[in-house]
N, C-alpha and C. Protein backbone atom coordinates (compact mmCIF):
# COMPACT_ATOMS: atom_id res chain seq x y z
N MET A 1 -76.23 31.31 73.23
CA MET A 1 -76.50 30.32 74.23
C MET A 1 -75.69 29.05 73.90
N ILE A 2 -75.21 28.49 74.88
CA ILE A 2 -74.34 27.32 74.71
C ILE A 2 -75.21 26.07 74.76
N ARG A 3 -74.96 25.26 73.71
CA ARG A 3 -75.70 23.99 73.68
C ARG A 3 -74.79 22.87 74.16
N ILE A 4 -75.33 22.04 74.95
CA ILE A 4 -74.59 20.93 75.50
C ILE A 4 -75.31 19.66 75.02
N ASN A 5 -74.52 18.85 74.37
CA ASN A 5 -75.07 17.59 73.84
C ASN A 5 -74.85 16.52 74.89
N LEU A 6 -75.91 16.07 75.42
CA LEU A 6 -75.82 15.05 76.45
C LEU A 6 -76.02 13.63 75.88
N LEU A 7 -76.25 13.55 74.59
CA LEU A 7 -76.43 12.23 73.95
C LEU A 7 -75.07 11.50 73.89
N PRO A 8 -75.12 10.18 73.88
CA PRO A 8 -73.84 9.41 73.83
C PRO A 8 -73.26 9.43 72.40
N HIS A 9 -72.55 10.52 72.09
CA HIS A 9 -72.03 10.69 70.71
C HIS A 9 -70.99 9.63 70.34
N ARG A 10 -70.26 9.20 71.34
CA ARG A 10 -69.25 8.17 71.01
C ARG A 10 -69.92 6.87 70.57
N GLU A 11 -70.99 6.56 71.22
CA GLU A 11 -71.73 5.33 70.88
C GLU A 11 -72.30 5.45 69.47
N GLU A 12 -72.80 6.60 69.13
CA GLU A 12 -73.36 6.80 67.79
C GLU A 12 -72.26 6.71 66.72
N LYS A 13 -71.11 7.30 67.04
CA LYS A 13 -69.99 7.22 66.08
C LYS A 13 -69.54 5.77 65.88
N ARG A 14 -69.53 5.05 67.01
CA ARG A 14 -69.15 3.63 66.93
C ARG A 14 -70.15 2.87 66.08
N LYS A 15 -71.44 3.13 66.28
CA LYS A 15 -72.48 2.47 65.48
C LYS A 15 -72.35 2.86 64.00
N ALA A 16 -72.09 4.12 63.78
CA ALA A 16 -71.94 4.59 62.38
C ALA A 16 -70.74 3.91 61.71
N ARG A 17 -69.62 3.83 62.50
CA ARG A 17 -68.44 3.14 61.95
C ARG A 17 -68.73 1.67 61.68
N ALA A 18 -69.47 1.04 62.61
CA ALA A 18 -69.81 -0.38 62.40
C ALA A 18 -70.72 -0.53 61.19
N ALA A 19 -71.67 0.38 61.04
CA ALA A 19 -72.57 0.32 59.88
C ALA A 19 -71.77 0.50 58.59
N ARG A 20 -70.82 1.51 58.60
CA ARG A 20 -69.99 1.71 57.40
C ARG A 20 -69.16 0.46 57.11
N PHE A 21 -68.63 -0.14 58.19
CA PHE A 21 -67.81 -1.35 58.02
C PHE A 21 -68.63 -2.48 57.39
N TYR A 22 -69.85 -2.66 57.91
CA TYR A 22 -70.71 -3.72 57.36
C TYR A 22 -71.09 -3.42 55.90
N ILE A 23 -71.35 -2.16 55.61
CA ILE A 23 -71.69 -1.78 54.22
C ILE A 23 -70.50 -2.04 53.31
N VAL A 24 -69.30 -1.59 53.75
CA VAL A 24 -68.08 -1.80 52.93
C VAL A 24 -67.79 -3.30 52.80
N ALA A 25 -67.95 -4.03 53.91
CA ALA A 25 -67.71 -5.48 53.85
C ALA A 25 -68.71 -6.16 52.92
N GLY A 26 -69.98 -5.74 53.02
CA GLY A 26 -70.99 -6.30 52.11
C GLY A 26 -70.69 -5.97 50.66
N MET A 27 -70.29 -4.70 50.43
CA MET A 27 -69.94 -4.32 49.05
C MET A 27 -68.72 -5.11 48.56
N ALA A 28 -67.72 -5.28 49.43
CA ALA A 28 -66.52 -6.05 49.04
C ALA A 28 -66.88 -7.50 48.77
N ALA A 29 -67.76 -8.06 49.66
CA ALA A 29 -68.17 -9.45 49.43
C ALA A 29 -68.96 -9.57 48.13
N GLY A 30 -69.86 -8.59 47.91
CA GLY A 30 -70.63 -8.60 46.65
C GLY A 30 -69.72 -8.46 45.45
N LEU A 31 -68.76 -7.52 45.57
CA LEU A 31 -67.80 -7.34 44.47
C LEU A 31 -66.97 -8.59 44.26
N GLY A 32 -66.57 -9.22 45.37
CA GLY A 32 -65.80 -10.48 45.24
C GLY A 32 -66.63 -11.57 44.57
N ILE A 33 -67.91 -11.64 44.97
CA ILE A 33 -68.79 -12.65 44.35
C ILE A 33 -68.95 -12.35 42.86
N LEU A 34 -69.12 -11.05 42.54
CA LEU A 34 -69.26 -10.67 41.12
C LEU A 34 -67.99 -11.03 40.33
N ILE A 35 -66.82 -10.77 40.94
CA ILE A 35 -65.56 -11.09 40.26
C ILE A 35 -65.43 -12.61 40.05
N VAL A 36 -65.80 -13.36 41.11
CA VAL A 36 -65.73 -14.82 41.01
C VAL A 36 -66.70 -15.32 39.94
N LEU A 37 -67.91 -14.76 39.94
CA LEU A 37 -68.90 -15.16 38.91
C LEU A 37 -68.42 -14.80 37.51
N ALA A 38 -67.85 -13.58 37.38
CA ALA A 38 -67.35 -13.16 36.07
C ALA A 38 -66.21 -14.08 35.62
N GLY A 39 -65.28 -14.39 36.56
CA GLY A 39 -64.18 -15.30 36.22
C GLY A 39 -64.69 -16.68 35.85
N TYR A 40 -65.65 -17.18 36.62
CA TYR A 40 -66.23 -18.49 36.33
C TYR A 40 -66.90 -18.48 34.96
N THR A 41 -67.65 -17.40 34.67
CA THR A 41 -68.33 -17.29 33.37
C THR A 41 -67.31 -17.26 32.23
N VAL A 42 -66.26 -16.47 32.42
CA VAL A 42 -65.21 -16.40 31.36
C VAL A 42 -64.55 -17.76 31.18
N LEU A 43 -64.21 -18.42 32.29
CA LEU A 43 -63.58 -19.74 32.18
C LEU A 43 -64.52 -20.76 31.55
N GLU A 44 -65.80 -20.70 31.93
CA GLU A 44 -66.78 -21.63 31.34
C GLU A 44 -66.92 -21.39 29.84
N GLU A 45 -66.90 -20.10 29.47
CA GLU A 45 -66.98 -19.76 28.04
C GLU A 45 -65.76 -20.28 27.29
N ARG A 46 -64.59 -20.10 27.89
CA ARG A 46 -63.36 -20.61 27.25
C ARG A 46 -63.38 -22.13 27.15
N ILE A 47 -63.86 -22.79 28.22
CA ILE A 47 -63.93 -24.25 28.19
C ILE A 47 -64.89 -24.71 27.10
N ASN A 48 -66.04 -24.04 26.99
CA ASN A 48 -67.00 -24.39 25.94
C ASN A 48 -66.42 -24.15 24.55
N THR A 49 -65.70 -23.02 24.40
CA THR A 49 -65.05 -22.74 23.11
C THR A 49 -64.02 -23.82 22.79
N GLN A 50 -63.22 -24.21 23.79
CA GLN A 50 -62.21 -25.25 23.56
C GLN A 50 -62.86 -26.59 23.24
N ARG A 51 -63.99 -26.87 23.92
CA ARG A 51 -64.70 -28.12 23.61
C ARG A 51 -65.21 -28.13 22.18
N SER A 52 -65.77 -26.97 21.76
CA SER A 52 -66.25 -26.91 20.37
C SER A 52 -65.09 -27.04 19.39
N ARG A 53 -63.94 -26.44 19.73
CA ARG A 53 -62.76 -26.60 18.87
C ARG A 53 -62.31 -28.06 18.83
N ASN A 54 -62.30 -28.70 20.01
CA ASN A 54 -61.91 -30.12 20.06
C ASN A 54 -62.85 -30.98 19.23
N GLU A 55 -64.15 -30.67 19.32
CA GLU A 55 -65.13 -31.43 18.55
C GLU A 55 -64.90 -31.22 17.06
N PHE A 56 -64.62 -29.97 16.68
CA PHE A 56 -64.34 -29.67 15.26
C PHE A 56 -63.10 -30.42 14.80
N LEU A 57 -62.05 -30.41 15.66
CA LEU A 57 -60.82 -31.12 15.31
C LEU A 57 -61.05 -32.62 15.17
N LYS A 58 -61.88 -33.17 16.07
CA LYS A 58 -62.19 -34.60 15.97
C LYS A 58 -62.89 -34.92 14.65
N GLN A 59 -63.84 -34.06 14.27
CA GLN A 59 -64.54 -34.28 13.00
C GLN A 59 -63.58 -34.19 11.82
N GLU A 60 -62.69 -33.19 11.86
CA GLU A 60 -61.72 -33.04 10.77
C GLU A 60 -60.74 -34.21 10.74
N ILE A 61 -60.34 -34.68 11.93
CA ILE A 61 -59.43 -35.85 11.99
C ILE A 61 -60.11 -37.08 11.43
N ALA A 62 -61.42 -37.23 11.74
CA ALA A 62 -62.16 -38.37 11.19
C ALA A 62 -62.22 -38.29 9.67
N LYS A 63 -62.44 -37.07 9.14
CA LYS A 63 -62.45 -36.90 7.68
C LYS A 63 -61.09 -37.25 7.09
N LEU A 64 -60.02 -36.75 7.75
CA LEU A 64 -58.67 -37.03 7.24
C LEU A 64 -58.35 -38.52 7.31
N ASP A 65 -58.79 -39.19 8.39
CA ASP A 65 -58.57 -40.63 8.50
C ASP A 65 -59.26 -41.37 7.35
N LYS A 66 -60.46 -40.92 7.03
CA LYS A 66 -61.20 -41.53 5.92
C LYS A 66 -60.46 -41.32 4.61
N GLU A 67 -59.97 -40.08 4.40
CA GLU A 67 -59.21 -39.79 3.18
C GLU A 67 -57.92 -40.58 3.13
N ILE A 68 -57.26 -40.73 4.29
CA ILE A 68 -56.01 -41.51 4.33
C ILE A 68 -56.28 -42.96 3.99
N SER A 69 -57.40 -43.50 4.51
CA SER A 69 -57.73 -44.89 4.17
C SER A 69 -58.02 -45.02 2.68
N GLU A 70 -58.68 -44.02 2.10
CA GLU A 70 -58.92 -44.05 0.65
C GLU A 70 -57.60 -43.97 -0.11
N ILE A 71 -56.67 -43.14 0.39
CA ILE A 71 -55.35 -43.03 -0.26
C ILE A 71 -54.61 -44.36 -0.16
N ASP A 72 -54.70 -45.04 0.99
CA ASP A 72 -54.05 -46.35 1.15
C ASP A 72 -54.63 -47.36 0.16
N VAL A 73 -55.97 -47.31 -0.03
CA VAL A 73 -56.60 -48.21 -1.00
C VAL A 73 -56.08 -47.90 -2.40
N LEU A 74 -55.99 -46.60 -2.73
CA LEU A 74 -55.49 -46.21 -4.05
C LEU A 74 -54.03 -46.62 -4.23
N LYS A 75 -53.23 -46.49 -3.16
CA LYS A 75 -51.82 -46.91 -3.25
C LYS A 75 -51.72 -48.41 -3.50
N ALA A 76 -52.58 -49.18 -2.80
CA ALA A 76 -52.57 -50.63 -3.00
C ALA A 76 -52.97 -50.98 -4.44
N LYS A 77 -54.00 -50.28 -4.96
CA LYS A 77 -54.41 -50.51 -6.35
C LYS A 77 -53.29 -50.13 -7.32
N ARG A 78 -52.63 -49.00 -7.02
CA ARG A 78 -51.53 -48.55 -7.89
C ARG A 78 -50.39 -49.58 -7.90
N LYS A 79 -50.05 -50.07 -6.69
CA LYS A 79 -48.99 -51.08 -6.59
C LYS A 79 -49.37 -52.34 -7.37
N ASP A 80 -50.64 -52.74 -7.25
CA ASP A 80 -51.11 -53.92 -7.97
C ASP A 80 -51.01 -53.71 -9.47
N LEU A 81 -51.41 -52.52 -9.93
CA LEU A 81 -51.33 -52.22 -11.37
C LEU A 81 -49.88 -52.17 -11.84
N LEU A 82 -48.99 -51.60 -11.01
CA LEU A 82 -47.57 -51.55 -11.40
C LEU A 82 -46.97 -52.96 -11.46
N ASP A 83 -47.37 -53.82 -10.51
CA ASP A 83 -46.89 -55.21 -10.55
C ASP A 83 -47.36 -55.91 -11.81
N ARG A 84 -48.64 -55.70 -12.15
CA ARG A 84 -49.15 -56.31 -13.38
C ARG A 84 -48.42 -55.77 -14.60
N LYS A 85 -48.17 -54.46 -14.59
CA LYS A 85 -47.46 -53.84 -15.72
C LYS A 85 -46.06 -54.44 -15.87
N ARG A 86 -45.37 -54.63 -14.72
CA ARG A 86 -44.03 -55.22 -14.78
C ARG A 86 -44.07 -56.64 -15.34
N VAL A 87 -45.08 -57.41 -14.90
CA VAL A 87 -45.21 -58.78 -15.41
C VAL A 87 -45.45 -58.76 -16.91
N ILE A 88 -46.33 -57.87 -17.36
CA ILE A 88 -46.62 -57.78 -18.80
C ILE A 88 -45.37 -57.35 -19.57
N GLU A 89 -44.65 -56.36 -19.02
CA GLU A 89 -43.43 -55.91 -19.69
C GLU A 89 -42.39 -57.04 -19.75
N LYS A 90 -42.32 -57.81 -18.66
CA LYS A 90 -41.36 -58.93 -18.64
C LYS A 90 -41.75 -59.98 -19.68
N LEU A 91 -43.04 -60.29 -19.73
CA LEU A 91 -43.51 -61.26 -20.74
C LEU A 91 -43.27 -60.73 -22.14
N GLN A 92 -43.52 -59.44 -22.32
CA GLN A 92 -43.31 -58.83 -23.64
C GLN A 92 -41.84 -58.90 -24.04
N ALA A 93 -40.96 -58.59 -23.07
CA ALA A 93 -39.53 -58.58 -23.38
C ALA A 93 -38.99 -59.99 -23.62
N ASN A 94 -39.60 -61.00 -22.96
CA ASN A 94 -39.06 -62.36 -23.04
C ASN A 94 -39.92 -63.32 -23.85
N ARG A 95 -40.84 -62.80 -24.67
CA ARG A 95 -41.74 -63.71 -25.38
C ARG A 95 -41.02 -64.51 -26.46
N SER A 96 -39.94 -63.95 -26.99
CA SER A 96 -39.20 -64.70 -28.00
C SER A 96 -38.00 -65.44 -27.39
N GLU A 97 -37.99 -65.53 -26.07
CA GLU A 97 -36.84 -66.11 -25.37
C GLU A 97 -36.61 -67.57 -25.73
N VAL A 98 -37.68 -68.36 -25.80
CA VAL A 98 -37.53 -69.80 -26.07
C VAL A 98 -36.95 -70.01 -27.46
N VAL A 99 -37.46 -69.24 -28.43
CA VAL A 99 -36.95 -69.37 -29.80
C VAL A 99 -35.47 -68.98 -29.85
N ARG A 100 -35.15 -67.86 -29.20
CA ARG A 100 -33.76 -67.39 -29.18
C ARG A 100 -32.86 -68.40 -28.47
N MET A 101 -33.37 -68.98 -27.35
CA MET A 101 -32.59 -69.96 -26.60
C MET A 101 -32.29 -71.19 -27.45
N LEU A 102 -33.34 -71.75 -28.07
CA LEU A 102 -33.13 -72.96 -28.89
C LEU A 102 -32.25 -72.67 -30.09
N ASP A 103 -32.40 -71.48 -30.69
CA ASP A 103 -31.55 -71.11 -31.82
C ASP A 103 -30.10 -71.04 -31.40
N GLN A 104 -29.83 -70.42 -30.24
CA GLN A 104 -28.45 -70.31 -29.77
C GLN A 104 -27.87 -71.67 -29.37
N ILE A 105 -28.70 -72.53 -28.76
CA ILE A 105 -28.21 -73.88 -28.43
C ILE A 105 -27.81 -74.61 -29.70
N THR A 106 -28.64 -74.49 -30.73
CA THR A 106 -28.32 -75.17 -31.99
C THR A 106 -27.05 -74.61 -32.62
N ARG A 107 -26.90 -73.30 -32.59
CA ARG A 107 -25.73 -72.67 -33.21
C ARG A 107 -24.44 -72.99 -32.46
N GLN A 108 -24.53 -73.05 -31.11
CA GLN A 108 -23.32 -73.22 -30.30
C GLN A 108 -22.94 -74.68 -30.08
N THR A 109 -23.79 -75.60 -30.46
CA THR A 109 -23.49 -77.02 -30.22
C THR A 109 -22.49 -77.53 -31.26
N PRO A 110 -21.34 -78.02 -30.82
CA PRO A 110 -20.36 -78.57 -31.78
C PRO A 110 -20.78 -79.97 -32.24
N ASP A 111 -20.14 -80.44 -33.30
CA ASP A 111 -20.41 -81.81 -33.77
C ASP A 111 -20.01 -82.80 -32.68
N GLY A 112 -20.77 -83.89 -32.59
CA GLY A 112 -20.46 -84.93 -31.63
C GLY A 112 -21.18 -84.75 -30.30
N ILE A 113 -22.08 -83.76 -30.21
CA ILE A 113 -22.90 -83.55 -29.00
C ILE A 113 -24.34 -83.85 -29.40
N TYR A 114 -25.03 -84.66 -28.58
CA TYR A 114 -26.42 -85.00 -28.83
C TYR A 114 -27.21 -84.77 -27.54
N TYR A 115 -28.30 -84.06 -27.67
CA TYR A 115 -29.12 -83.77 -26.48
C TYR A 115 -30.24 -84.78 -26.36
N LYS A 116 -30.49 -85.21 -25.14
CA LYS A 116 -31.65 -86.08 -24.91
C LYS A 116 -32.75 -85.34 -24.13
N LYS A 117 -32.35 -84.26 -23.44
CA LYS A 117 -33.35 -83.51 -22.67
C LYS A 117 -32.85 -82.10 -22.42
N ILE A 118 -33.74 -81.11 -22.65
CA ILE A 118 -33.44 -79.71 -22.37
C ILE A 118 -34.60 -79.17 -21.53
N THR A 119 -34.29 -78.69 -20.34
CA THR A 119 -35.33 -78.14 -19.46
C THR A 119 -34.93 -76.75 -19.01
N GLN A 120 -35.95 -75.94 -18.69
CA GLN A 120 -35.70 -74.58 -18.22
C GLN A 120 -36.53 -74.34 -16.97
N LYS A 121 -35.86 -73.80 -15.95
CA LYS A 121 -36.56 -73.38 -14.73
C LYS A 121 -36.06 -71.98 -14.40
N ASP A 122 -36.97 -71.02 -14.48
CA ASP A 122 -36.64 -69.60 -14.33
C ASP A 122 -35.58 -69.23 -15.38
N ASP A 123 -34.40 -68.82 -14.94
CA ASP A 123 -33.38 -68.42 -15.92
C ASP A 123 -32.24 -69.44 -16.00
N VAL A 124 -32.49 -70.68 -15.54
CA VAL A 124 -31.48 -71.73 -15.63
C VAL A 124 -31.95 -72.80 -16.61
N VAL A 125 -31.11 -73.08 -17.60
CA VAL A 125 -31.41 -74.12 -18.59
C VAL A 125 -30.53 -75.32 -18.29
N THR A 126 -31.16 -76.49 -18.19
CA THR A 126 -30.41 -77.72 -17.91
C THR A 126 -30.34 -78.54 -19.20
N LEU A 127 -29.11 -78.88 -19.58
CA LEU A 127 -28.87 -79.66 -20.80
C LEU A 127 -28.42 -81.06 -20.40
N ASN A 128 -29.15 -82.07 -20.84
CA ASN A 128 -28.75 -83.46 -20.65
C ASN A 128 -28.50 -84.06 -22.03
N GLY A 129 -27.36 -84.72 -22.15
CA GLY A 129 -27.08 -85.30 -23.46
C GLY A 129 -25.87 -86.21 -23.45
N TYR A 130 -25.44 -86.55 -24.68
CA TYR A 130 -24.30 -87.44 -24.87
C TYR A 130 -23.24 -86.71 -25.69
N SER A 131 -21.98 -87.07 -25.42
CA SER A 131 -20.86 -86.48 -26.15
C SER A 131 -19.91 -87.60 -26.55
N LEU A 132 -19.27 -87.40 -27.69
CA LEU A 132 -18.29 -88.39 -28.14
C LEU A 132 -17.01 -88.31 -27.33
N SER A 133 -16.74 -87.10 -26.74
CA SER A 133 -15.52 -86.96 -25.92
C SER A 133 -15.70 -85.81 -24.93
N ASN A 134 -14.81 -85.81 -23.94
CA ASN A 134 -14.84 -84.72 -22.96
C ASN A 134 -14.48 -83.38 -23.59
N ALA A 135 -13.60 -83.39 -24.58
CA ALA A 135 -13.17 -82.16 -25.23
C ALA A 135 -14.35 -81.46 -25.90
N ARG A 136 -15.30 -82.24 -26.44
CA ARG A 136 -16.47 -81.63 -27.10
C ARG A 136 -17.37 -80.94 -26.06
N VAL A 137 -17.44 -81.53 -24.86
CA VAL A 137 -18.22 -80.88 -23.79
C VAL A 137 -17.56 -79.56 -23.39
N SER A 138 -16.22 -79.54 -23.31
CA SER A 138 -15.50 -78.30 -23.00
C SER A 138 -15.73 -77.26 -24.09
N THR A 139 -15.72 -77.70 -25.35
CA THR A 139 -15.97 -76.78 -26.46
C THR A 139 -17.39 -76.20 -26.35
N LEU A 140 -18.36 -77.07 -25.99
CA LEU A 140 -19.74 -76.60 -25.81
C LEU A 140 -19.83 -75.57 -24.69
N MET A 141 -19.14 -75.81 -23.59
CA MET A 141 -19.18 -74.87 -22.47
C MET A 141 -18.59 -73.52 -22.87
N ARG A 142 -17.46 -73.53 -23.60
CA ARG A 142 -16.86 -72.27 -24.04
C ARG A 142 -17.78 -71.55 -25.02
N ALA A 143 -18.41 -72.28 -25.91
CA ALA A 143 -19.31 -71.67 -26.90
C ALA A 143 -20.53 -71.06 -26.21
N LEU A 144 -21.08 -71.76 -25.23
CA LEU A 144 -22.24 -71.21 -24.51
C LEU A 144 -21.87 -69.98 -23.71
N ASN A 145 -20.67 -69.98 -23.13
CA ASN A 145 -20.23 -68.83 -22.35
C ASN A 145 -20.03 -67.61 -23.24
N ASP A 146 -19.57 -67.82 -24.49
CA ASP A 146 -19.36 -66.72 -25.43
C ASP A 146 -20.64 -66.31 -26.15
N SER A 147 -21.70 -67.08 -25.96
CA SER A 147 -22.97 -66.81 -26.65
C SER A 147 -23.65 -65.56 -26.07
N PRO A 148 -24.37 -64.81 -26.90
CA PRO A 148 -25.10 -63.64 -26.38
C PRO A 148 -26.33 -64.03 -25.56
N ALA A 149 -26.74 -65.30 -25.60
CA ALA A 149 -27.95 -65.72 -24.91
C ALA A 149 -27.68 -66.41 -23.59
N PHE A 150 -26.43 -66.85 -23.35
CA PHE A 150 -26.13 -67.65 -22.15
C PHE A 150 -24.93 -67.07 -21.42
N GLU A 151 -24.82 -67.50 -20.15
CA GLU A 151 -23.64 -67.14 -19.35
C GLU A 151 -23.47 -68.18 -18.24
N MET A 152 -22.27 -68.26 -17.72
CA MET A 152 -21.92 -69.12 -16.58
C MET A 152 -22.35 -70.58 -16.76
N PRO A 153 -21.86 -71.29 -17.77
CA PRO A 153 -22.18 -72.72 -17.86
C PRO A 153 -21.51 -73.48 -16.73
N ASN A 154 -22.22 -74.48 -16.21
CA ASN A 154 -21.71 -75.24 -15.08
C ASN A 154 -21.96 -76.73 -15.34
N LEU A 155 -20.89 -77.50 -15.46
CA LEU A 155 -21.00 -78.93 -15.71
C LEU A 155 -21.25 -79.63 -14.37
N GLU A 156 -22.41 -80.23 -14.24
CA GLU A 156 -22.75 -80.89 -12.98
C GLU A 156 -22.15 -82.29 -12.91
N GLN A 157 -22.29 -83.04 -14.00
CA GLN A 157 -21.71 -84.39 -13.99
C GLN A 157 -21.45 -84.85 -15.42
N ILE A 158 -20.48 -85.71 -15.51
CA ILE A 158 -20.17 -86.36 -16.79
C ILE A 158 -19.69 -87.76 -16.44
N GLN A 159 -20.19 -88.74 -17.17
CA GLN A 159 -19.79 -90.13 -16.90
C GLN A 159 -19.81 -90.93 -18.20
N ALA A 160 -18.96 -91.94 -18.22
CA ALA A 160 -18.87 -92.80 -19.40
C ALA A 160 -20.02 -93.80 -19.37
N VAL A 161 -20.70 -93.95 -20.53
CA VAL A 161 -21.80 -94.91 -20.65
C VAL A 161 -21.68 -95.61 -22.00
N ARG A 162 -22.44 -96.74 -22.13
CA ARG A 162 -22.49 -97.45 -23.41
C ARG A 162 -23.89 -97.33 -23.95
N VAL A 163 -24.02 -96.83 -25.16
CA VAL A 163 -25.31 -96.70 -25.84
C VAL A 163 -25.17 -97.39 -27.20
N ASP A 164 -25.97 -98.45 -27.43
CA ASP A 164 -25.91 -99.22 -28.68
C ASP A 164 -24.49 -99.66 -28.98
N ASN A 165 -23.83 -100.25 -27.99
CA ASN A 165 -22.45 -100.76 -28.11
C ASN A 165 -21.46 -99.68 -28.53
N GLN A 166 -21.77 -98.44 -28.20
CA GLN A 166 -20.85 -97.34 -28.49
C GLN A 166 -20.53 -96.63 -27.18
N ARG A 167 -19.25 -96.35 -26.98
CA ARG A 167 -18.82 -95.70 -25.74
C ARG A 167 -19.04 -94.19 -25.90
N LEU A 168 -19.89 -93.59 -25.00
CA LEU A 168 -20.18 -92.16 -25.02
C LEU A 168 -20.02 -91.59 -23.62
N ASN A 169 -20.01 -90.28 -23.55
CA ASN A 169 -19.98 -89.59 -22.26
C ASN A 169 -21.35 -88.91 -22.05
N GLU A 170 -22.01 -89.32 -20.99
CA GLU A 170 -23.30 -88.70 -20.67
C GLU A 170 -23.03 -87.51 -19.74
N PHE A 171 -23.61 -86.36 -20.07
CA PHE A 171 -23.34 -85.17 -19.25
C PHE A 171 -24.64 -84.46 -18.86
N LYS A 172 -24.49 -83.71 -17.80
CA LYS A 172 -25.59 -82.84 -17.35
C LYS A 172 -24.98 -81.47 -17.05
N MET A 173 -25.52 -80.44 -17.68
CA MET A 173 -24.92 -79.11 -17.59
C MET A 173 -26.03 -78.08 -17.34
N ASN A 174 -25.72 -77.14 -16.45
CA ASN A 174 -26.62 -76.00 -16.22
C ASN A 174 -25.99 -74.75 -16.81
N VAL A 175 -26.81 -73.93 -17.42
CA VAL A 175 -26.32 -72.68 -17.98
C VAL A 175 -27.36 -71.60 -17.69
N LYS A 176 -26.87 -70.41 -17.33
CA LYS A 176 -27.78 -69.32 -16.98
C LYS A 176 -28.17 -68.57 -18.26
N LEU A 177 -29.45 -68.28 -18.35
CA LEU A 177 -29.99 -67.59 -19.51
C LEU A 177 -29.91 -66.09 -19.28
N LYS A 178 -29.35 -65.37 -20.25
CA LYS A 178 -29.32 -63.91 -20.16
C LYS A 178 -30.67 -63.38 -20.56
N ARG A 179 -31.31 -62.64 -19.65
CA ARG A 179 -32.61 -62.06 -19.95
C ARG A 179 -32.43 -60.83 -20.83
N GLN A 180 -33.44 -60.58 -21.64
CA GLN A 180 -33.40 -59.44 -22.55
C GLN A 180 -33.31 -58.13 -21.76
N GLU A 181 -34.04 -58.03 -20.65
CA GLU A 181 -34.04 -56.80 -19.86
C GLU A 181 -32.68 -56.55 -19.24
N GLU A 182 -31.94 -57.63 -18.86
CA GLU A 182 -30.60 -57.47 -18.30
C GLU A 182 -29.67 -56.90 -19.36
N LYS A 183 -29.80 -57.40 -20.60
CA LYS A 183 -28.96 -56.90 -21.68
C LYS A 183 -29.27 -55.43 -21.97
N ASP A 184 -30.57 -55.07 -21.88
CA ASP A 184 -30.95 -53.68 -22.11
C ASP A 184 -30.36 -52.77 -21.05
N GLN A 185 -30.37 -53.23 -19.78
CA GLN A 185 -29.82 -52.41 -18.71
C GLN A 185 -28.31 -52.27 -18.84
N LYS A 186 -27.64 -53.34 -19.23
CA LYS A 186 -26.19 -53.27 -19.39
C LYS A 186 -25.84 -52.38 -20.57
N GLY A 187 -26.62 -52.50 -21.65
CA GLY A 187 -26.36 -51.70 -22.85
C GLY A 187 -26.83 -50.27 -22.70
N GLY A 188 -27.73 -50.00 -21.75
CA GLY A 188 -28.22 -48.65 -21.54
C GLY A 188 -29.31 -48.24 -22.50
N ALA A 189 -29.77 -49.15 -23.36
CA ALA A 189 -30.82 -48.81 -24.32
C ALA A 189 -32.03 -49.67 -24.05
N LYS A 190 -33.18 -49.07 -24.25
CA LYS A 190 -34.43 -49.79 -24.04
C LYS A 190 -35.06 -50.07 -25.38
N PRO A 191 -35.87 -51.14 -25.50
CA PRO A 191 -36.51 -51.44 -26.77
C PRO A 191 -37.39 -50.31 -27.26
N ALA A 192 -38.06 -49.62 -26.33
CA ALA A 192 -38.94 -48.53 -26.75
C ALA A 192 -38.14 -47.41 -27.40
N ALA A 193 -36.93 -47.17 -26.86
CA ALA A 193 -36.09 -46.12 -27.43
C ALA A 193 -35.63 -46.52 -28.84
N LYS A 194 -35.35 -47.80 -29.05
CA LYS A 194 -34.95 -48.26 -30.37
C LYS A 194 -36.07 -48.09 -31.36
N ASP A 195 -37.31 -48.43 -30.93
CA ASP A 195 -38.45 -48.27 -31.80
C ASP A 195 -38.69 -46.81 -32.14
N ALA A 196 -38.45 -45.93 -31.15
CA ALA A 196 -38.69 -44.51 -31.38
C ALA A 196 -37.71 -43.97 -32.42
N LYS A 197 -36.46 -44.48 -32.40
CA LYS A 197 -35.48 -44.02 -33.38
C LYS A 197 -35.86 -44.44 -34.79
N LYS A 198 -36.49 -45.63 -34.91
CA LYS A 198 -36.92 -46.09 -36.22
C LYS A 198 -38.08 -45.26 -36.71
């Protein structure tokens, strides 16, 4: 027997297709929402991880800054101690300087020269005195220049004066004092090395 379907099959197929479309669209939308949520969650997790890393780095940078400030304080203390050490070494090297200077002035002074004032400022010694003649002042300058304690004598002024009815030449002379440390550097030997050899 032949069956004839009088129902509107096209309408049912259309409804079925529309239902499938809505189901697929709903599933796609749900899947899209899930993907967006998963991406958002992953990105949020990465952002949180980066924030925790940044916080850790900030803490470590703060620690390093503190250590650097401590190092700067130690460097300043070290520099201060080195400056003090240099001053002490300089005083140690030059403690006999005055005795050596006066000894050399006495040894290098020719007859006919009389000092009225000897002053020292840093490494410059100023000699004020009287001379019987200009030639004796020249002899004094040559002797001081050849001395191991002095260098570069410079005659600032010389003038004729009368002292106790005697005609003399009053002079003022500057001479540079050779420091012990300069001699050690030129000679290449240090006092400590000399002591060690003994």
